[in-house]
Amino acid sequence: MNGTLSRSQLSPNDQDYHSFSRVKNQTSCVPAVEAEFQNWLSEKGIALSSGTQRSGSGTAKATVESSKNGQFDLVFCKLVEDTPVGLFTTEIYASSEGWINITVRSTEGKFVSVPRIAKALMRRLELFDATLQFLDTPITWDIDKVDDLVELLEDGDRHGPVWT
């Protein structure tokens, strides 16, 4: 690993991946995130550990922290991967209140596509940004759905972009 990251190295840029979603079934949120994080690490050949380990042609460190905020369970999953193309940091915050926040940053400013764990969570849970449901594949809307699309685009409760 490259040691401690400075604040500027973690500042968001246009190439980072970021999503915030609400989960329809709130009680399944934290257990699903923990399970999918473990599956994702397994796919990458990375174990949860307190130390840095070899991963492919680089190194990685994965951690999970759990806590309670009043009546809600919280989980923070973090994976830091030092690869030949740069340092990538994935942070996932989830709450039994029914929300998930995922951020993947590249210190080199590399484009970060939708991580596999985000797609896995989209398949496992019903995730929403206001009335927009997150899906792991694009959908096509016919002309008769244009009014629905306009309503979606104008939804003031939506946090993220809609790709059209």
C-alpha atoms as a PDB file:
ATOM      1  CA  MET A   1       0.000   0.000   0.000  1.00  0.00           C
ATOM      2  CA  ASN A   2       1.041   3.588  -0.445  1.00  0.00           C
ATOM      3  CA  GLY A   3       0.605   4.518   3.215  1.00  0.00           C
ATOM      4  CA  THR A   4      -1.733   7.214   4.463  1.00  0.00           C
ATOM      5  CA  LEU A   5      -3.980   8.998   1.985  1.00  0.00           C
ATOM      6  CA  SER A   6      -4.179  12.754   2.016  1.00  0.00           C
ATOM      7  CA  ARG A   7      -7.543  14.541   1.872  1.00  0.00           C
ATOM      8  CA  SER A   8      -6.859  15.648  -1.707  1.00  0.00           C
ATOM      9  CA  GLN A   9      -6.316  12.034  -2.759  1.00  0.00           C
ATOM     10  CA  LEU A  10      -9.815  11.176  -1.534  1.00  0.00           C
ATOM     11  CA  SER A  11     -11.625  14.201  -2.952  1.00  0.00           C
ATOM     12  CA  PRO A  12     -14.390  13.165  -5.338  1.00  0.00           C
ATOM     13  CA  ASN A  13     -13.921  13.805  -9.033  1.00  0.00           C
ATOM     14  CA  ASP A  14     -15.954  13.260 -12.178  1.00  0.00           C
ATOM     15  CA  GLN A  15     -14.409   9.834 -12.736  1.00  0.00           C
ATOM     16  CA  ASP A  16     -15.448   8.368  -9.353  1.00  0.00           C
ATOM     17  CA  TYR A  17     -18.433   6.079  -8.877  1.00  0.00           C
ATOM     18  CA  HIS A  18     -21.032   7.180  -6.351  1.00  0.00           C
ATOM     19  CA  SER A  19     -24.523   5.928  -5.591  1.00  0.00           C
ATOM     20  CA  PHE A  20     -27.036   6.458  -2.833  1.00  0.00           C
ATOM     21  CA  SER A  21     -30.087   4.235  -2.691  1.00  0.00           C
ATOM     22  CA  ARG A  22     -33.004   3.341  -0.488  1.00  0.00           C
ATOM     23  CA  VAL A  23     -33.916  -0.289   0.104  1.00  0.00           C
ATOM     24  CA  LYS A  24     -37.533  -1.375  -0.113  1.00  0.00           C
ATOM     25  CA  ASN A  25     -37.117  -4.062   2.579  1.00  0.00           C
ATOM     26  CA  GLN A  26     -35.147  -2.222   5.266  1.00  0.00           C
ATOM     27  CA  THR A  27     -34.460  -5.251   7.481  1.00  0.00           C
ATOM     28  CA  SER A  28     -32.576  -7.021   4.682  1.00  0.00           C
ATOM     29  CA  CYS A  29     -30.244  -4.071   3.986  1.00  0.00           C
ATOM     30  CA  VAL A  30     -27.321  -4.608   6.384  1.00  0.00           C
ATOM     31  CA  PRO A  31     -27.205  -8.435   6.162  1.00  0.00           C
ATOM     32  CA  ALA A  32     -27.311  -8.264   2.344  1.00  0.00           C
ATOM     33  CA  VAL A  33     -24.501  -5.695   2.187  1.00  0.00           C
ATOM     34  CA  GLU A  34     -22.323  -7.752   4.540  1.00  0.00           C
ATOM     35  CA  ALA A  35     -22.973 -10.963   2.572  1.00  0.00           C
ATOM     36  CA  GLU A  36     -22.406  -9.373  -0.843  1.00  0.00           C
ATOM     37  CA  PHE A  37     -19.228  -7.650   0.356  1.00  0.00           C
ATOM     38  CA  GLN A  38     -17.911 -11.028   1.510  1.00  0.00           C
ATOM     39  CA  ASN A  39     -18.910 -12.617  -1.854  1.00  0.00           C
ATOM     40  CA  TRP A  40     -17.252  -9.778  -3.782  1.00  0.00           C
ATOM     41  CA  LEU A  41     -14.026 -10.119  -1.802  1.00  0.00           C
ATOM     42  CA  SER A  42     -14.102 -13.862  -2.376  1.00  0.00           C
ATOM     43  CA  GLU A  43     -14.431 -13.331  -6.147  1.00  0.00           C
ATOM     44  CA  LYS A  44     -11.360 -11.096  -5.968  1.00  0.00           C
ATOM     45  CA  GLY A  45      -9.427 -13.605  -3.835  1.00  0.00           C
ATOM     46  CA  ILE A  46      -9.302 -11.207  -0.876  1.00  0.00           C
ATOM     47  CA  ALA A  47     -10.010 -12.168   2.733  1.00  0.00           C
ATOM     48  CA  LEU A  48     -11.247  -9.838   5.453  1.00  0.00           C
ATOM     49  CA  SER A  49      -8.149  -9.048   7.422  1.00  0.00           C
ATOM     50  CA  SER A  50      -6.461  -6.524   9.588  1.00  0.00           C
ATOM     51  CA  GLY A  51      -3.411  -6.585   7.351  1.00  0.00           C
ATOM     52  CA  THR A  52      -2.468  -5.854   3.778  1.00  0.00           C
ATOM     53  CA  GLN A  53      -2.380  -8.883   1.482  1.00  0.00           C
ATOM     54  CA  ARG A  54      -1.309  -9.707  -2.054  1.00  0.00           C
ATOM     55  CA  SER A  55      -4.116  -9.448  -4.615  1.00  0.00           C
ATOM     56  CA  GLY A  56      -3.447 -10.143  -8.284  1.00  0.00           C
ATOM     57  CA  SER A  57      -0.530  -7.909  -9.236  1.00  0.00           C
ATOM     58  CA  GLY A  58      -1.060  -5.539  -6.309  1.00  0.00           C
ATOM     59  CA  THR A  59      -2.104  -5.443  -2.688  1.00  0.00           C
ATOM     60  CA  ALA A  60      -5.420  -5.052  -0.905  1.00  0.00           C
ATOM     61  CA  LYS A  61      -6.881  -4.485   2.531  1.00  0.00           C
ATOM     62  CA  ALA A  62     -10.533  -5.120   3.374  1.00  0.00           C
ATOM     63  CA  THR A  63     -12.331  -4.202   6.582  1.00  0.00           C
ATOM     64  CA  VAL A  64     -15.866  -4.258   7.961  1.00  0.00           C
ATOM     65  CA  GLU A  65     -17.003  -2.222  10.945  1.00  0.00           C
ATOM     66  CA  SER A  66     -20.422  -2.539  12.568  1.00  0.00           C
ATOM     67  CA  SER A  67     -22.074  -0.223  15.058  1.00  0.00           C
ATOM     68  CA  LYS A  68     -25.446   0.841  16.344  1.00  0.00           C
ATOM     69  CA  ASN A  69     -26.974   4.310  16.064  1.00  0.00           C
ATOM     70  CA  GLY A  70     -29.943   4.299  18.404  1.00  0.00           C
ATOM     71  CA  GLN A  71     -32.296   1.666  17.028  1.00  0.00           C
ATOM     72  CA  PHE A  72     -30.478   1.262  13.683  1.00  0.00           C
ATOM     73  CA  ASP A  73     -27.621  -1.067  12.792  1.00  0.00           C
ATOM     74  CA  LEU A  74     -24.852   0.439  10.685  1.00  0.00           C
ATOM     75  CA  VAL A  75     -22.118  -1.231   8.665  1.00  0.00           C
ATOM     76  CA  PHE A  76     -19.061   0.268   6.985  1.00  0.00           C
ATOM     77  CA  CYS A  77     -17.238  -1.910   4.442  1.00  0.00           C
ATOM     78  CA  LYS A  78     -13.979  -0.710   2.947  1.00  0.00           C
ATOM     79  CA  LEU A  79     -11.638  -2.145   0.352  1.00  0.00           C
ATOM     80  CA  VAL A  80      -8.380  -0.429  -0.611  1.00  0.00           C
ATOM     81  CA  GLU A  81      -6.678  -1.925  -3.670  1.00  0.00           C
ATOM     82  CA  ASP A  82      -3.229  -0.822  -4.780  1.00  0.00           C
ATOM     83  CA  THR A  83      -3.029  -1.961  -8.410  1.00  0.00           C
ATOM     84  CA  PRO A  84      -0.603  -1.296 -11.262  1.00  0.00           C
ATOM     85  CA  VAL A  85      -3.026   1.366 -12.593  1.00  0.00           C
ATOM     86  CA  GLY A  86      -3.477   3.142  -9.257  1.00  0.00           C
ATOM     87  CA  LEU A  87      -5.010   3.081  -5.823  1.00  0.00           C
ATOM     88  CA  PHE A  88      -8.764   2.358  -5.685  1.00  0.00           C
ATOM     89  CA  THR A  89     -10.810   2.840  -2.514  1.00  0.00           C
ATOM     90  CA  THR A  90     -14.305   1.373  -2.210  1.00  0.00           C
ATOM     91  CA  GLU A  91     -16.450   2.490   0.732  1.00  0.00           C
ATOM     92  CA  ILE A  92     -19.910   1.135   1.443  1.00  0.00           C
ATOM     93  CA  TYR A  93     -22.070   2.517   4.220  1.00  0.00           C
ATOM     94  CA  ALA A  94     -25.394   0.831   4.975  1.00  0.00           C
ATOM     95  CA  SER A  95     -28.072   1.194   7.626  1.00  0.00           C
ATOM     96  CA  SER A  96     -30.984  -0.924   8.790  1.00  0.00           C
ATOM     97  CA  GLU A  97     -32.905   2.329   8.325  1.00  0.00           C
ATOM     98  CA  GLY A  98     -32.880   1.205   4.691  1.00  0.00           C
ATOM     99  CA  TRP A  99     -30.138   3.023   2.808  1.00  0.00           C
ATOM    100  CA  ILE A 100     -26.858   2.194   1.083  1.00  0.00           C
ATOM    101  CA  ASN A 101     -24.118   4.615   0.036  1.00  0.00           C
ATOM    102  CA  ILE A 102     -21.359   3.310  -2.279  1.00  0.00           C
ATOM    103  CA  THR A 103     -18.309   5.276  -3.378  1.00  0.00           C
ATOM    104  CA  VAL A 104     -15.321   4.089  -5.411  1.00  0.00           C
ATOM    105  CA  ARG A 105     -12.430   6.511  -5.875  1.00  0.00           C
ATOM    106  CA  SER A 106      -9.263   6.353  -7.936  1.00  0.00           C
ATOM    107  CA  THR A 107      -6.345   8.440  -6.713  1.00  0.00           C
ATOM    108  CA  GLU A 108      -5.059   8.551 -10.289  1.00  0.00           C
ATOM    109  CA  GLY A 109      -8.316  10.038 -11.592  1.00  0.00           C
ATOM    110  CA  LYS A 110      -9.104   6.852 -13.553  1.00  0.00           C
ATOM    111  CA  PHE A 111     -12.689   6.273 -14.662  1.00  0.00           C
ATOM    112  CA  VAL A 112     -14.490   3.965 -12.221  1.00  0.00           C
ATOM    113  CA  SER A 113     -17.322   1.911 -13.708  1.00  0.00           C
ATOM    114  CA  VAL A 114     -20.210   0.466 -11.698  1.00  0.00           C
ATOM    115  CA  PRO A 115     -18.575  -2.017  -9.311  1.00  0.00           C
ATOM    116  CA  ARG A 116     -19.720  -5.640  -9.371  1.00  0.00           C
ATOM    117  CA  ILE A 117     -20.853  -5.365  -5.754  1.00  0.00           C
ATOM    118  CA  ALA A 118     -23.270  -2.577  -6.704  1.00  0.00           C
ATOM    119  CA  LYS A 119     -24.758  -4.760  -9.460  1.00  0.00           C
ATOM    120  CA  ALA A 120     -24.982  -7.703  -7.062  1.00  0.00           C
ATOM    121  CA  LEU A 121     -26.885  -5.543  -4.569  1.00  0.00           C
ATOM    122  CA  MET A 122     -29.210  -4.367  -7.373  1.00  0.00           C
ATOM    123  CA  ARG A 123     -30.011  -8.018  -8.143  1.00  0.00           C
ATOM    124  CA  ARG A 124     -30.431  -8.999  -4.489  1.00  0.00           C
ATOM    125  CA  LEU A 125     -32.378  -6.004  -3.150  1.00  0.00           C
ATOM    126  CA  GLU A 126     -35.009  -3.654  -4.512  1.00  0.00           C
ATOM    127  CA  LEU A 127     -32.975  -0.427  -4.574  1.00  0.00           C
ATOM    128  CA  PHE A 128     -34.439   2.976  -5.354  1.00  0.00           C
ATOM    129  CA  ASP A 129     -33.472   6.604  -5.786  1.00  0.00           C
ATOM    130  CA  ALA A 130     -36.854   8.252  -5.173  1.00  0.00           C
ATOM    131  CA  THR A 131     -39.121   6.494  -7.709  1.00  0.00           C
ATOM    132  CA  LEU A 132     -36.227   5.294  -9.903  1.00  0.00           C
ATOM    133  CA  GLN A 133     -35.386   1.629  -9.342  1.00  0.00           C
ATOM    134  CA  PHE A 134     -31.729   0.696  -9.736  1.00  0.00           C
ATOM    135  CA  LEU A 135     -31.256  -2.243 -12.089  1.00  0.00           C
ATOM    136  CA  ASP A 136     -28.089  -4.042 -13.098  1.00  0.00           C
ATOM    137  CA  THR A 137     -28.975  -3.769 -16.804  1.00  0.00           C
ATOM    138  CA  PRO A 138     -30.277  -0.840 -18.895  1.00  0.00           C
ATOM    139  CA  ILE A 139     -33.929  -0.673 -19.860  1.00  0.00           C
ATOM    140  CA  THR A 140     -35.546   0.717 -22.998  1.00  0.00           C
ATOM    141  CA  TRP A 141     -38.705   2.757 -22.773  1.00  0.00           C
ATOM    142  CA  ASP A 142     -41.007   3.015 -25.769  1.00  0.00           C
ATOM    143  CA  ILE A 143     -42.614   6.256 -26.886  1.00  0.00           C
ATOM    144  CA  ASP A 144     -45.710   5.573 -24.782  1.00  0.00           C
ATOM    145  CA  LYS A 145     -43.531   5.890 -21.641  1.00  0.00           C
ATOM    146  CA  VAL A 146     -42.147   9.376 -22.389  1.00  0.00           C
ATOM    147  CA  ASP A 147     -44.476  10.995 -19.835  1.00  0.00           C
ATOM    148  CA  ASP A 148     -43.204   8.547 -17.179  1.00  0.00           C
ATOM    149  CA  LEU A 149     -39.619   9.407 -18.113  1.00  0.00           C
ATOM    150  CA  VAL A 150     -40.306  13.154 -17.837  1.00  0.00           C
ATOM    151  CA  GLU A 151     -41.865  12.605 -14.405  1.00  0.00           C
ATOM    152  CA  LEU A 152     -38.787  10.628 -13.342  1.00  0.00           C
ATOM    153  CA  LEU A 153     -36.434  13.339 -14.596  1.00  0.00           C
ATOM    154  CA  GLU A 154     -38.375  16.037 -12.732  1.00  0.00           C
ATOM    155  CA  ASP A 155     -38.503  14.108  -9.433  1.00  0.00           C
ATOM    156  CA  GLY A 156     -36.980  16.466  -6.853  1.00  0.00           C
ATOM    157  CA  ASP A 157     -36.321  13.613  -4.409  1.00  0.00           C
ATOM    158  CA  ARG A 158     -33.917  11.844  -6.786  1.00  0.00           C
ATOM    159  CA  HIS A 159     -30.214  12.129  -5.895  1.00  0.00           C
ATOM    160  CA  GLY A 160     -28.441  10.702  -8.939  1.00  0.00           C
ATOM    161  CA  PRO A 161     -28.452  11.159 -12.679  1.00  0.00           C
ATOM    162  CA  VAL A 162     -30.674   9.334 -15.147  1.00  0.00           C
ATOM    163  CA  TRP A 163     -28.859   8.300 -18.328  1.00  0.00           C
ATOM    164  CA  THR A 164     -31.034   8.878 -21.401  1.00  0.00           C
END
